[in-house]
Amino acid sequence: MTYQSRPTTLTLDEALIEIRMSRAAFYRMRATGKAPKHMKLPNGQLRIRRTDLDAWWTECEVTSC
């Protein structure tokens, strides 16, 4: 039997620390659809996959001024 690793997920607090954003700012972005893709667990907590956070960072890049 082989072990399959699950996708790495971050708690909302872990993600907010990494992106240096307040919880209020995250929820404002979430309301407008601009927050990183995330999932809501049955207990109401949010989780963000590492790959989704990295993709969000890439989308935030500005290539020209």
N, C-alpha and C. Protein backbone atom coordinates (compact mmCIF):
# COMPACT_ATOMS: atom_id res chain seq x y z
N MET A 1 0.85 -1.18 0.00
CA MET A 1 0.00 0.00 0.00
C MET A 1 0.89 1.23 0.00
N THR A 2 0.64 2.14 -0.92
CA THR A 2 1.44 3.35 -0.99
C THR A 2 0.71 4.49 -0.32
N TYR A 3 1.46 5.37 0.25
CA TYR A 3 0.91 6.54 0.93
C TYR A 3 0.87 7.70 -0.05
N GLN A 4 -0.27 8.30 -0.22
CA GLN A 4 -0.39 9.48 -1.06
C GLN A 4 -0.43 10.71 -0.16
N SER A 5 0.47 11.64 -0.42
CA SER A 5 0.47 12.84 0.42
C SER A 5 -0.68 13.75 0.01
N ARG A 6 -1.26 14.37 0.97
CA ARG A 6 -2.35 15.30 0.73
C ARG A 6 -1.77 16.66 0.37
N PRO A 7 -2.54 17.48 -0.35
CA PRO A 7 -2.03 18.81 -0.67
C PRO A 7 -1.75 19.61 0.60
N THR A 8 -0.69 20.33 0.58
CA THR A 8 -0.36 21.16 1.73
C THR A 8 -1.35 22.31 1.82
N THR A 9 -1.94 22.48 2.98
CA THR A 9 -2.88 23.57 3.18
C THR A 9 -2.42 24.45 4.34
N LEU A 10 -2.81 25.69 4.28
CA LEU A 10 -2.49 26.65 5.33
C LEU A 10 -3.77 27.09 6.01
N THR A 11 -3.69 27.33 7.30
CA THR A 11 -4.82 27.95 7.97
C THR A 11 -4.89 29.41 7.52
N LEU A 12 -6.00 30.05 7.76
CA LEU A 12 -6.12 31.45 7.37
C LEU A 12 -5.05 32.29 8.06
N ASP A 13 -4.82 32.05 9.35
CA ASP A 13 -3.81 32.82 10.08
C ASP A 13 -2.42 32.63 9.48
N GLU A 14 -2.08 31.39 9.10
CA GLU A 14 -0.77 31.12 8.49
C GLU A 14 -0.62 31.87 7.16
N ALA A 15 -1.67 31.84 6.36
CA ALA A 15 -1.63 32.52 5.07
C ALA A 15 -1.54 34.04 5.25
N LEU A 16 -2.29 34.58 6.21
CA LEU A 16 -2.27 36.03 6.44
C LEU A 16 -0.89 36.50 6.89
N ILE A 17 -0.22 35.70 7.71
CA ILE A 17 1.13 36.05 8.13
C ILE A 17 2.06 36.08 6.92
N GLU A 18 1.93 35.07 6.07
CA GLU A 18 2.80 34.98 4.90
C GLU A 18 2.59 36.14 3.93
N ILE A 19 1.34 36.52 3.70
CA ILE A 19 1.09 37.60 2.74
C ILE A 19 1.02 38.97 3.40
N ARG A 20 1.22 39.00 4.71
CA ARG A 20 1.26 40.25 5.49
C ARG A 20 -0.01 41.07 5.26
N MET A 21 -1.12 40.44 5.54
CA MET A 21 -2.43 41.07 5.34
C MET A 21 -3.27 40.88 6.59
N SER A 22 -4.09 41.87 6.89
CA SER A 22 -4.98 41.74 8.04
C SER A 22 -6.17 40.86 7.68
N ARG A 23 -6.80 40.33 8.70
CA ARG A 23 -7.99 39.50 8.49
C ARG A 23 -9.10 40.34 7.82
N ALA A 24 -9.24 41.59 8.25
CA ALA A 24 -10.27 42.46 7.68
C ALA A 24 -10.01 42.70 6.19
N ALA A 25 -8.77 42.93 5.82
CA ALA A 25 -8.43 43.14 4.40
C ALA A 25 -8.71 41.88 3.59
N PHE A 26 -8.41 40.72 4.17
CA PHE A 26 -8.68 39.46 3.47
C PHE A 26 -10.18 39.32 3.22
N TYR A 27 -10.99 39.58 4.23
CA TYR A 27 -12.44 39.43 4.06
C TYR A 27 -13.01 40.45 3.08
N ARG A 28 -12.43 41.65 3.01
CA ARG A 28 -12.86 42.62 2.00
C ARG A 28 -12.54 42.10 0.60
N MET A 29 -11.32 41.54 0.44
CA MET A 29 -10.94 40.98 -0.85
C MET A 29 -11.81 39.77 -1.19
N ARG A 30 -12.13 38.97 -0.19
CA ARG A 30 -12.98 37.80 -0.40
C ARG A 30 -14.36 38.23 -0.90
N ALA A 31 -14.89 39.30 -0.34
CA ALA A 31 -16.21 39.79 -0.73
C ALA A 31 -16.24 40.26 -2.18
N THR A 32 -15.12 40.73 -2.69
CA THR A 32 -15.05 41.21 -4.07
C THR A 32 -14.49 40.16 -5.03
N GLY A 33 -14.19 38.97 -4.51
CA GLY A 33 -13.68 37.89 -5.36
C GLY A 33 -12.21 38.00 -5.71
N LYS A 34 -11.45 38.79 -4.95
CA LYS A 34 -10.04 39.01 -5.26
C LYS A 34 -9.09 38.28 -4.31
N ALA A 35 -9.62 37.55 -3.35
CA ALA A 35 -8.78 36.82 -2.39
C ALA A 35 -8.28 35.54 -3.03
N PRO A 36 -7.23 34.95 -2.44
CA PRO A 36 -6.77 33.66 -2.95
C PRO A 36 -7.89 32.62 -2.85
N LYS A 37 -7.88 31.68 -3.78
CA LYS A 37 -8.85 30.59 -3.75
C LYS A 37 -8.72 29.86 -2.43
N HIS A 38 -9.83 29.55 -1.81
CA HIS A 38 -9.80 28.91 -0.50
C HIS A 38 -10.98 27.96 -0.35
N MET A 39 -10.94 27.16 0.70
CA MET A 39 -12.03 26.23 0.96
C MET A 39 -12.52 26.44 2.39
N LYS A 40 -13.81 26.24 2.56
CA LYS A 40 -14.42 26.39 3.89
C LYS A 40 -14.74 25.00 4.41
N LEU A 41 -14.22 24.68 5.56
CA LEU A 41 -14.45 23.38 6.18
C LEU A 41 -15.81 23.35 6.86
N PRO A 42 -16.33 22.16 7.14
CA PRO A 42 -17.65 22.05 7.79
C PRO A 42 -17.74 22.82 9.12
N ASN A 43 -16.60 22.99 9.80
CA ASN A 43 -16.62 23.72 11.07
C ASN A 43 -16.51 25.23 10.88
N GLY A 44 -16.48 25.69 9.62
CA GLY A 44 -16.45 27.12 9.33
C GLY A 44 -15.06 27.69 9.12
N GLN A 45 -14.03 26.93 9.44
CA GLN A 45 -12.66 27.42 9.26
C GLN A 45 -12.29 27.44 7.78
N LEU A 46 -11.39 28.35 7.42
CA LEU A 46 -10.92 28.44 6.05
C LEU A 46 -9.54 27.82 5.93
N ARG A 47 -9.28 27.20 4.80
CA ARG A 47 -7.96 26.66 4.48
C ARG A 47 -7.60 27.12 3.08
N ILE A 48 -6.31 27.36 2.86
CA ILE A 48 -5.82 27.78 1.56
C ILE A 48 -4.73 26.81 1.14
N ARG A 49 -4.90 26.21 -0.03
CA ARG A 49 -3.87 25.31 -0.54
C ARG A 49 -2.63 26.12 -0.90
N ARG A 50 -1.48 25.56 -0.66
CA ARG A 50 -0.21 26.22 -1.00
C ARG A 50 -0.20 26.58 -2.49
N THR A 51 -0.64 25.67 -3.34
CA THR A 51 -0.63 25.93 -4.79
C THR A 51 -1.55 27.09 -5.16
N ASP A 52 -2.69 27.20 -4.48
CA ASP A 52 -3.61 28.31 -4.76
C ASP A 52 -3.03 29.64 -4.30
N LEU A 53 -2.33 29.64 -3.18
CA LEU A 53 -1.70 30.87 -2.70
C LEU A 53 -0.58 31.30 -3.65
N ASP A 54 0.21 30.34 -4.11
CA ASP A 54 1.28 30.66 -5.06
C ASP A 54 0.71 31.19 -6.37
N ALA A 55 -0.39 30.61 -6.85
CA ALA A 55 -1.03 31.08 -8.08
C ALA A 55 -1.56 32.51 -7.89
N TRP A 56 -2.12 32.79 -6.72
CA TRP A 56 -2.63 34.13 -6.43
C TRP A 56 -1.49 35.14 -6.46
N TRP A 57 -0.34 34.79 -5.86
CA TRP A 57 0.83 35.67 -5.89
C TRP A 57 1.23 35.97 -7.33
N THR A 58 1.23 34.96 -8.17
CA THR A 58 1.60 35.14 -9.57
C THR A 58 0.64 36.09 -10.27
N GLU A 59 -0.65 35.95 -9.98
CA GLU A 59 -1.65 36.85 -10.58
C GLU A 59 -1.47 38.29 -10.12
N CYS A 60 -0.89 38.49 -8.95
CA CYS A 60 -0.70 39.84 -8.42
C CYS A 60 0.50 40.56 -9.04
N GLU A 61 1.35 39.82 -9.74
CA GLU A 61 2.54 40.43 -10.32
C GLU A 61 2.16 41.45 -11.39
N VAL A 62 2.89 42.57 -11.37
CA VAL A 62 2.70 43.60 -12.39
C VAL A 62 3.89 43.51 -13.32
N THR A 63 3.62 43.34 -14.61
CA THR A 63 4.73 43.16 -15.55
C THR A 63 5.21 44.48 -16.14
N SER A 64 4.36 45.51 -16.19
CA SER A 64 4.80 46.80 -16.70
C SER A 64 4.07 47.92 -15.98
N CYS A 65 4.67 49.08 -16.01
CA CYS A 65 4.07 50.23 -15.32
C CYS A 65 3.26 51.08 -16.25
